[in-house]
Amino acid sequence: MSSIAGIEIPDSKLAEEATELVRDVTDDLVYDHSRRVFLFGSLNGRELKYDPELLYVGAMFHDLGLTPKYRESQQRFEIDGADAAADFLRRHGIGDDETQLVWTAIALHTTPEIPAHMAPEIALVTAGVEADVLGLGLDRITAGERAAIVAAHPRPDFKNRILQAFNDGIKHRPATTFGNVKADVLDRFVPGFERTNFVDIILGSSWPE
């Protein structure tokens, strides 16, 4: 079993096949980001008891909904990745409770704060995403650990490239950004994008008053 920054990478058949699937359908940007999410999430959860294999699958599949193979739906990209992970886990005989845990971890990974109050695997997928994308929680990770992770999974021009990946993965389904942070992406990159306004929905509803 190999390790990066002191974190052992799961090497079970399930983990290896998850890696192969993600490697086949993503580019280096999403693959390296997903691996960093697992590592940063694991480092943020050193004091917690969690299943590293389930965390690994959650991290590896969390952005599949941005990739060409999985992004053609009209549902939120997070659900695309969650559904793909659930199908993968069921094919490998993983139980309903564990499968639901991973599905929820992926589905909620762009929802601030709530995952932190849920099961460790759910909380740590979001913690890994927030560390790698937003720089949150990096004070819990040493400079040496960060350097080891980035050496293994580089992030060249990551900020701009991940924003482009977000845009490419959701611009054909703008309605799915209502109520989540991805509306900010389309507001920045898609000319003429208009946010759905919660107040307008309430005031324009079919209720007569």
Protein backbone atom coordinates (compact mmCIF):
# COMPACT_ATOMS: atom_id res chain seq x y z
CA MET A 1 0.00 0.00 0.00
CA SER A 2 1.46 3.35 -1.06
CA SER A 3 1.17 6.51 1.00
CA ILE A 4 1.34 10.24 0.37
CA ALA A 5 1.86 12.76 3.19
CA GLY A 6 1.46 9.88 5.64
CA ILE A 7 -1.95 8.89 4.28
CA GLU A 8 -2.25 5.36 2.96
CA ILE A 9 -3.99 5.09 -0.42
CA PRO A 10 -6.55 2.27 -0.40
CA ASP A 11 -5.38 -0.56 -2.63
CA SER A 12 -8.36 -2.92 -2.48
CA LYS A 13 -9.89 -4.23 -5.70
CA LEU A 14 -12.73 -1.76 -5.22
CA ALA A 15 -10.35 1.20 -4.85
CA GLU A 16 -8.19 0.11 -7.77
CA GLU A 17 -11.20 -0.23 -10.07
CA ALA A 18 -12.51 3.15 -8.92
CA THR A 19 -9.15 4.66 -9.83
CA GLU A 20 -9.17 2.97 -13.23
CA LEU A 21 -12.69 4.16 -14.03
CA VAL A 22 -11.95 7.75 -13.05
CA ARG A 23 -8.63 7.69 -14.92
CA ASP A 24 -10.41 6.48 -18.05
CA VAL A 25 -13.08 9.19 -18.14
CA THR A 26 -11.28 12.25 -16.76
CA ASP A 27 -8.26 14.33 -17.59
CA ASP A 28 -5.31 15.05 -15.29
CA LEU A 29 -7.10 18.09 -13.86
CA VAL A 30 -10.03 16.15 -12.39
CA TYR A 31 -8.02 13.04 -11.55
CA ASP A 32 -5.33 14.90 -9.61
CA HIS A 33 -7.91 17.12 -7.94
CA SER A 34 -9.92 14.08 -6.84
CA ARG A 35 -6.87 12.40 -5.37
CA ARG A 36 -5.97 15.60 -3.51
CA VAL A 37 -9.53 15.76 -2.17
CA PHE A 38 -9.06 12.30 -0.65
CA LEU A 39 -5.69 13.24 0.85
CA PHE A 40 -6.74 16.64 2.20
CA GLY A 41 -9.97 15.15 3.52
CA SER A 42 -8.05 12.36 5.26
CA LEU A 43 -5.63 14.81 6.85
CA ASN A 44 -8.53 16.92 8.09
CA GLY A 45 -10.08 13.81 9.63
CA ARG A 46 -7.12 12.42 11.51
CA GLU A 47 -9.04 12.41 14.78
CA LEU A 48 -12.14 10.75 13.27
CA LYS A 49 -13.09 7.13 12.66
CA TYR A 50 -14.07 6.65 9.03
CA ASP A 51 -13.88 4.11 6.23
CA PRO A 52 -10.94 5.14 3.99
CA GLU A 53 -12.26 3.06 1.10
CA LEU A 54 -15.64 4.80 1.09
CA LEU A 55 -13.99 8.19 1.47
CA TYR A 56 -11.73 7.32 -1.46
CA VAL A 57 -14.63 6.41 -3.74
CA GLY A 58 -16.50 9.56 -2.71
CA ALA A 59 -13.48 11.72 -3.45
CA MET A 60 -12.67 10.04 -6.75
CA PHE A 61 -16.23 10.23 -8.11
CA HIS A 62 -17.22 13.63 -6.74
CA ASP A 63 -16.61 15.60 -9.97
CA LEU A 64 -17.52 12.95 -12.56
CA GLY A 65 -20.60 15.02 -13.35
CA LEU A 66 -18.32 17.62 -14.94
CA THR A 67 -16.79 15.16 -17.42
CA PRO A 68 -18.03 14.64 -21.00
CA LYS A 69 -19.27 11.10 -20.33
CA TYR A 70 -21.39 12.06 -17.33
CA ARG A 71 -22.41 15.69 -17.84
CA GLU A 72 -25.16 15.43 -20.46
CA SER A 73 -28.04 15.26 -17.97
CA GLN A 74 -30.19 18.16 -16.84
CA GLN A 75 -29.73 17.41 -13.15
CA ARG A 76 -27.11 18.91 -10.84
CA PHE A 77 -23.63 17.71 -11.68
CA GLU A 78 -23.17 16.59 -8.08
CA ILE A 79 -26.04 14.12 -8.55
CA ASP A 80 -24.48 12.79 -11.74
CA GLY A 81 -21.33 11.90 -9.81
CA ALA A 82 -23.31 10.54 -6.86
CA ASP A 83 -25.41 8.32 -9.13
CA ALA A 84 -22.30 7.03 -10.91
CA ALA A 85 -20.67 6.17 -7.60
CA ALA A 86 -23.80 4.42 -6.34
CA ASP A 87 -24.01 2.31 -9.50
CA PHE A 88 -20.33 1.44 -9.18
CA LEU A 89 -20.67 0.43 -5.54
CA ARG A 90 -23.79 -1.68 -6.13
CA ARG A 91 -22.03 -3.53 -8.96
CA HIS A 92 -19.30 -4.38 -6.47
CA GLY A 93 -21.73 -5.72 -3.89
CA ILE A 94 -21.46 -2.83 -1.45
CA GLY A 95 -24.43 -2.56 0.92
CA ASP A 96 -27.21 0.00 0.77
CA ASP A 97 -26.09 1.94 3.85
CA GLU A 98 -22.52 2.37 2.62
CA THR A 99 -23.71 3.22 -0.88
CA GLN A 100 -26.09 5.87 0.45
CA LEU A 101 -23.27 7.33 2.54
CA VAL A 102 -21.07 7.83 -0.53
CA TRP A 103 -24.00 9.11 -2.60
CA THR A 104 -24.75 11.73 0.04
CA ALA A 105 -21.09 12.72 0.38
CA ILE A 106 -20.91 13.51 -3.33
CA ALA A 107 -24.36 15.06 -3.65
CA LEU A 108 -23.66 17.53 -0.83
CA HIS A 109 -20.04 18.39 -1.55
CA THR A 110 -20.88 21.92 -2.76
CA THR A 111 -23.26 22.61 0.12
CA PRO A 112 -21.47 24.67 2.80
CA GLU A 113 -21.51 23.72 6.48
CA ILE A 114 -24.17 20.98 6.50
CA PRO A 115 -21.82 18.07 5.61
CA ALA A 116 -19.62 18.93 8.59
CA HIS A 117 -22.48 17.83 10.86
CA MET A 118 -22.96 14.48 9.14
CA ALA A 119 -21.08 11.17 9.01
CA PRO A 120 -17.28 11.50 8.77
CA GLU A 121 -17.11 10.22 5.19
CA ILE A 122 -19.60 12.90 4.13
CA ALA A 123 -17.85 15.63 6.09
CA LEU A 124 -14.40 14.71 4.82
CA VAL A 125 -15.26 14.71 1.12
CA THR A 126 -16.46 18.29 1.55
CA ALA A 127 -13.45 19.17 3.71
CA GLY A 128 -11.14 17.86 1.00
CA VAL A 129 -12.94 19.83 -1.70
CA GLU A 130 -12.89 23.01 0.39
CA ALA A 131 -9.18 22.63 1.10
CA ASP A 132 -8.20 22.08 -2.53
CA VAL A 133 -10.58 24.53 -4.21
CA LEU A 134 -11.12 27.23 -1.59
CA GLY A 135 -8.04 26.88 0.61
CA LEU A 136 -10.18 26.25 3.71
CA GLY A 137 -8.74 24.17 6.53
CA LEU A 138 -5.17 24.33 5.24
CA ASP A 139 -4.06 25.50 8.68
CA ARG A 140 -4.71 21.93 9.82
CA ILE A 141 -2.23 20.60 7.24
CA THR A 142 1.50 21.22 7.48
CA ALA A 143 3.52 22.82 4.71
CA GLY A 144 5.38 19.54 4.28
CA GLU A 145 2.16 17.59 3.87
CA ARG A 146 0.85 20.08 1.33
CA ALA A 147 4.12 19.91 -0.60
CA ALA A 148 4.06 16.10 -0.68
CA ILE A 149 0.49 16.05 -1.97
CA VAL A 150 1.11 18.64 -4.67
CA ALA A 151 4.31 16.87 -5.72
CA ALA A 152 2.34 13.66 -6.24
CA HIS A 153 -0.68 15.39 -7.79
CA PRO A 154 0.32 18.76 -9.24
CA ARG A 155 -2.04 21.68 -9.63
CA PRO A 156 -0.70 23.79 -12.55
CA ASP A 157 -2.94 26.85 -13.09
CA PHE A 158 -5.54 24.96 -11.06
CA LYS A 159 -7.73 27.92 -10.15
CA ASN A 160 -8.40 28.89 -13.75
CA ARG A 161 -8.62 25.34 -15.05
CA ILE A 162 -11.12 24.14 -12.44
CA LEU A 163 -13.30 27.18 -13.08
CA GLN A 164 -13.27 26.29 -16.78
CA ALA A 165 -14.21 22.70 -15.91
CA PHE A 166 -17.09 23.94 -13.75
CA ASN A 167 -18.31 26.15 -16.57
CA ASP A 168 -18.03 23.40 -19.20
CA GLY A 169 -19.90 20.98 -16.96
CA ILE A 170 -22.88 23.19 -16.09
CA LYS A 171 -23.36 25.87 -18.75
CA HIS A 172 -25.88 23.71 -20.63
CA ARG A 173 -28.01 23.32 -17.46
CA PRO A 174 -28.03 26.77 -15.85
CA ALA A 175 -31.21 26.10 -13.85
CA THR A 176 -29.28 23.58 -11.74
CA THR A 177 -27.18 26.37 -10.23
CA PHE A 178 -30.16 27.81 -8.35
CA GLY A 179 -29.47 27.66 -4.63
CA ASN A 180 -25.81 26.71 -4.91
CA VAL A 181 -22.43 28.33 -5.44
CA LYS A 182 -22.14 27.33 -9.09
CA ALA A 183 -24.37 30.25 -10.08
CA ASP A 184 -21.29 32.38 -9.43
CA VAL A 185 -19.42 30.49 -12.16
CA LEU A 186 -22.02 31.10 -14.86
CA ASP A 187 -22.43 34.71 -13.73
CA ARG A 188 -18.71 35.23 -14.40
CA PHE A 189 -18.30 33.25 -17.64
CA VAL A 190 -21.63 33.03 -19.51
CA PRO A 191 -22.78 36.27 -21.17
CA GLY A 192 -26.41 37.06 -20.42
CA PHE A 193 -26.77 34.55 -17.60
CA GLU A 194 -29.52 35.59 -15.21
CA ARG A 195 -29.70 34.09 -11.74
CA THR A 196 -32.95 32.58 -10.57
CA ASN A 197 -34.11 34.73 -7.68
CA PHE A 198 -35.70 33.02 -4.68
CA VAL A 199 -37.73 36.10 -3.78
CA ASP A 200 -39.12 36.31 -7.33
CA ILE A 201 -40.15 32.66 -7.16
CA ILE A 202 -42.09 33.25 -3.93
CA LEU A 203 -43.76 36.46 -5.11
CA GLY A 204 -44.57 34.95 -8.52
CA SER A 205 -45.97 31.67 -7.23
CA SER A 206 -49.50 30.55 -8.01
CA TRP A 207 -50.75 31.36 -4.51
CA PRO A 208 -53.36 34.16 -4.85
CA GLU A 209 -52.39 36.41 -1.94
